Amino acid sequence: MKKFRGLHTALVTPFTREGLVDYYAFRQIVEFQIKGGVDGVVPCGTTGESPTLSTKEMGRLIATAVEVSNGRVAVIAGTGSNSTEEAVRLSKNGAAHGADALLLVNPYYNKPTQKGLYLHFKKIADSVDIPCILYNIKGRTGVNIETATLVKLANECDNIVAVKEASGDLEQMKAVIKQAPANFTVLSGDDNISLDLIEAGGDGVISVASNIIPNYMSRMIGRALEGNFNQARQIEGQLAHFFSTCFIETNPIPIKTVMAHYGWCEEVFRLPMCSLESEEHRALLFKSIKNLEITKN
């Protein structure tokens, strides 16, 4: 039985105008996601501006997500770091606050070797007794988890149960599906290729777009996992423009801008993240969702 199959939302972190974490808004966002039909929520991931969060803030966000979800959906806490010891500390913190699983992003800037990646992820996994999901995103970290390394980790660490694949390389994802243990879960890290991955035997997505359209995303992913790709592709066609404009500037700037527009949070970021550079980009972003039914807070 595969764990963490389906749609999971990489949550934004709402801040007040004073720059503090807005836990009240966060609670509302988590409830909105659950009502929208998601299978899991991901607090404190990179979409949640995790590098700017303190350990105390991360613990409270994870605990809040656990409390609000109350077992209705999985809570997958982002606890990765480019320091192995820091990632171990954050992962223990996430587990202690009730997370169902951990999402561990590739170490960034360091550019470790494959041996270094193996040792990094193994040490984190060995430090906790809850499931771990590796997050492979070379474009933001400068390093790729090669398939052989990932498969070795999956075979040797019982609690490394899944990967969020955002390499953009569908052939690599297919190789993981083919070579990993039968119960290993492969999730897309990109909304725009999630159906391609599911068609290839993958298991779902950790989504940015579902922050604002969980209802559309849950239907699209649900239909695909049922094997109804005609309906899934129809929904994908409605969302394709929005998928692309979600990355018109660095994530999470566009998606958080949309969330703020619809009243879910303030349009406040923590540096070095900042508001959209271009009003032209703002216009394109809102044009891409004008024909979608968006729930306002």
Foldseek 3Di string as FASTA:
>chain_A
DAPPFAEEAAAAFFADPVGHTDLVLLLVLLVVLVVLPGQYYEPLAVLNVNVPDDLVRQLVSLLSSCVSCVPVHAYEYEQEELDLVSSLVSLVSNVVSPHQEYEYEHRAPVQDDLVVRLVSVVVSLVSDDHAYEYEADCVGGVYGNQLVSLQVSQVPRVRPAEYADAPPDLVRLLVNCVRHPVRHAYAYAAPLCRLVSVVSPHGYYHDHQCSWNSNLRRVLRVCSNVVNNVVNVVSSVLQVQLSVLCVVDPRPQLSVVVCVVLPSHPSDDDPPDHHDPDPVSVVSNCVSCVPPDTDGD
